[in-house]
């Protein structure tokens, strides 16, 4: 797709203003800073890397999916996570 002023979709994405954005966003890669329990009761150890799959309460609570145990999802305070990568600008 070509834009009249040469803007890419990526630049337009960066310029959009939907309101304040939380520090962590869906699809961000994060590291767990403290042990946490999954929604089905399994344990995920501190240091595990996962992907943000939900942001609630204006960014205060974050749902993260981990590969081990398979498909594990934890809901933790944002302060319990550290950003390690962002898949989209």
Protein backbone atom coordinates (compact mmCIF):
# COMPACT_ATOMS: atom_id res chain seq x y z
CA UNK A 1 0.00 0.00 0.00
CA UNK A 2 1.37 3.43 -0.90
CA UNK A 3 0.53 6.63 0.97
CA UNK A 4 0.58 10.08 -0.57
CA UNK A 5 3.25 11.39 1.80
CA UNK A 6 5.28 8.18 1.85
CA UNK A 7 4.12 7.11 5.32
CA UNK A 8 4.18 3.44 6.11
CA UNK A 9 1.53 1.62 8.11
CA UNK A 10 4.13 1.34 10.89
CA UNK A 11 4.51 5.13 11.12
CA UNK A 12 0.75 5.59 11.15
CA UNK A 13 0.52 3.02 13.96
CA UNK A 14 3.03 5.04 15.99
CA UNK A 15 1.11 8.27 15.44
CA UNK A 16 -2.31 6.97 16.43
CA UNK A 17 -3.73 8.33 19.68
CA UNK A 18 -6.22 6.02 21.40
CA UNK A 19 -5.55 7.44 24.83
CA UNK A 20 -2.80 6.66 27.31
CA UNK A 21 -1.05 3.40 26.63
CA UNK A 22 0.14 1.16 29.44
CA UNK A 23 3.86 0.47 29.81
CA UNK A 24 3.23 -3.18 28.87
CA UNK A 25 1.09 -4.06 25.86
CA UNK A 26 -0.35 -7.23 24.39
CA UNK A 27 2.27 -9.33 22.56
CA UNK A 28 5.18 -7.81 24.53
CA UNK A 29 7.82 -10.31 25.67
CA UNK A 30 8.38 -10.19 29.43
CA UNK A 31 10.30 -11.91 32.24
CA UNK A 32 8.58 -12.90 35.46
CA UNK A 33 10.35 -11.33 38.47
CA UNK A 34 8.74 -13.52 41.17
CA UNK A 35 7.23 -17.00 41.26
CA UNK A 36 3.54 -17.05 40.31
CA UNK A 37 0.68 -19.55 40.10
CA UNK A 38 -1.15 -20.18 36.85
CA UNK A 39 -4.91 -19.92 36.56
CA UNK A 40 -5.06 -23.73 36.92
CA UNK A 41 -2.75 -23.88 39.96
CA UNK A 42 0.63 -24.75 38.40
CA UNK A 43 3.78 -22.88 39.42
CA UNK A 44 5.81 -20.65 37.06
CA UNK A 45 9.28 -19.78 38.36
CA UNK A 46 10.81 -16.32 38.47
CA UNK A 47 12.97 -15.76 35.39
CA UNK A 48 10.55 -17.47 33.01
CA UNK A 49 9.95 -15.61 29.74
CA UNK A 50 6.43 -15.23 28.38
CA UNK A 51 4.15 -13.15 26.17
CA UNK A 52 1.57 -10.62 27.35
CA UNK A 53 -1.90 -11.78 26.30
CA UNK A 54 -4.02 -9.31 28.26
CA UNK A 55 -3.76 -5.91 29.95
CA UNK A 56 -6.36 -4.97 32.56
CA UNK A 57 -7.06 -2.17 35.03
CA UNK A 58 -5.25 0.42 32.90
CA UNK A 59 -2.08 -1.66 32.88
CA UNK A 60 -2.02 -2.56 36.58
CA UNK A 61 -2.77 -6.26 35.99
CA UNK A 62 -1.15 -8.24 33.19
CA UNK A 63 -2.00 -11.71 31.85
CA UNK A 64 1.06 -13.56 30.52
CA UNK A 65 1.26 -16.87 28.67
CA UNK A 66 4.29 -19.12 29.23
CA UNK A 67 5.40 -22.17 27.27
CA UNK A 68 6.17 -24.19 30.43
CA UNK A 69 4.03 -25.66 31.80
CA UNK A 70 2.40 -25.89 28.39
CA UNK A 71 -0.04 -23.02 27.78
CA UNK A 72 0.35 -21.66 31.33
CA UNK A 73 -1.30 -18.30 31.92
CA UNK A 74 -0.69 -16.12 34.97
CA UNK A 75 -2.34 -12.84 35.96
CA UNK A 76 0.11 -10.68 37.91
CA UNK A 77 0.70 -7.04 38.85
CA UNK A 78 2.69 -5.16 36.21
CA UNK A 79 5.46 -4.61 38.79
CA UNK A 80 6.09 -8.40 38.74
CA UNK A 81 7.24 -8.25 35.11
CA UNK A 82 10.15 -6.80 33.14
CA UNK A 83 9.87 -5.95 29.45
CA UNK A 84 12.42 -7.80 27.29
CA UNK A 85 11.01 -7.21 23.81
CA UNK A 86 8.27 -5.51 21.88
CA UNK A 87 6.87 -7.15 18.75
CA UNK A 88 5.17 -4.02 17.43
CA UNK A 89 6.21 -0.36 17.66
